[in-house]
Amino acid sequence: MAGAVYFKSFLWLTALGGLGYGLLQLTQPSEEKLSKIREYSKSTSLTEEEKRKILFMQKLQEAAGESKPVYIQRSDKENK
């Protein structure tokens, strides 16, 4: 009787493992699909939102590299 439990467990383990492996092989992208994905991602242009984010990050990096705070730089430019 106790052997039946182990046999059922082994069958379930094998069946679910095989199902998982089958799904893995089924959903694995081929080189052709990967090249199509790469071509599509290169051809898409940036949206306005993404352009603004990139510009903001560039301004932030410029401000981080300077010794004067941004608010002092602005007041210096307004006084000139």
Protein backbone atom coordinates (compact mmCIF):
# COMPACT_ATOMS: atom_id res chain seq x y z
CA MET A 1 0.00 0.00 0.00
CA ALA A 2 2.79 2.40 0.86
CA GLY A 3 4.48 1.63 -2.45
CA ALA A 4 1.46 2.94 -4.39
CA VAL A 5 1.94 6.42 -2.89
CA TYR A 6 5.55 6.53 -4.06
CA PHE A 7 4.58 5.24 -7.49
CA LYS A 8 1.85 7.91 -7.87
CA SER A 9 4.25 10.59 -6.69
CA PHE A 10 6.84 9.45 -9.22
CA LEU A 11 4.25 9.50 -12.01
CA TRP A 12 3.07 13.01 -11.10
CA LEU A 13 6.65 14.25 -10.82
CA THR A 14 7.53 12.81 -14.21
CA ALA A 15 4.34 14.10 -15.88
CA LEU A 16 4.66 17.65 -14.51
CA GLY A 17 8.39 17.75 -15.22
CA GLY A 18 7.74 16.64 -18.79
CA LEU A 19 4.97 19.23 -19.15
CA GLY A 20 7.31 21.96 -17.89
CA TYR A 21 10.07 20.88 -20.26
CA GLY A 22 7.62 20.77 -23.17
CA LEU A 23 6.39 24.30 -22.41
CA LEU A 24 9.99 25.48 -22.14
CA GLN A 25 10.82 24.09 -25.57
CA LEU A 26 7.59 25.41 -27.06
CA THR A 27 8.08 28.99 -25.86
CA GLN A 28 11.84 29.21 -26.49
CA PRO A 29 12.42 31.84 -29.23
CA SER A 30 14.44 30.87 -32.28
CA GLU A 31 17.23 32.98 -33.75
CA GLU A 32 14.84 34.14 -36.46
CA LYS A 33 12.37 35.45 -33.90
CA LEU A 34 15.14 37.10 -31.90
CA SER A 35 16.48 38.87 -34.98
CA LYS A 36 12.97 40.15 -35.81
CA ILE A 37 12.61 41.48 -32.26
CA ARG A 38 16.00 43.22 -32.47
CA GLU A 39 15.13 44.81 -35.81
CA TYR A 40 11.79 46.05 -34.49
CA SER A 41 13.29 47.53 -31.35
CA LYS A 42 15.90 49.43 -33.39
CA SER A 43 13.35 50.85 -35.79
CA THR A 44 10.96 52.25 -33.18
CA SER A 45 11.54 55.91 -32.48
CA LEU A 46 11.37 57.55 -29.09
CA THR A 47 8.13 59.09 -27.93
CA GLU A 48 7.97 62.67 -26.71
CA GLU A 49 7.76 61.45 -23.12
CA GLU A 50 10.94 59.40 -23.49
CA LYS A 51 12.73 62.32 -25.15
CA ARG A 52 11.79 64.59 -22.24
CA LYS A 53 13.03 62.01 -19.74
CA ILE A 54 16.35 61.70 -21.56
CA LEU A 55 16.76 65.49 -21.71
CA PHE A 56 15.94 65.77 -18.00
CA MET A 57 18.52 63.11 -17.12
CA GLN A 58 21.16 64.92 -19.21
CA LYS A 59 20.43 68.21 -17.44
CA LEU A 60 20.56 66.42 -14.10
CA GLN A 61 23.95 64.92 -14.91
CA GLU A 62 25.28 68.31 -15.99
CA ALA A 63 24.08 69.89 -12.77
CA ALA A 64 25.62 67.11 -10.70
CA GLY A 65 29.02 67.70 -12.28
CA GLU A 66 29.19 71.42 -11.46
CA SER A 67 30.26 72.86 -8.13
CA LYS A 68 27.59 75.58 -7.85
CA PRO A 69 24.01 74.65 -7.01
CA VAL A 70 21.41 75.12 -9.75
CA TYR A 71 19.52 77.86 -7.91
CA ILE A 72 22.70 79.95 -7.59
CA GLN A 73 23.50 79.50 -11.29
CA ARG A 74 20.05 80.68 -12.23
CA SER A 75 20.30 83.80 -10.05
CA ASP A 76 23.74 84.55 -11.55
CA LYS A 77 22.32 84.36 -15.07
CA GLU A 78 19.36 86.61 -14.16
CA ASN A 79 21.65 89.25 -12.64
CA LYS A 80 23.80 89.50 -15.76
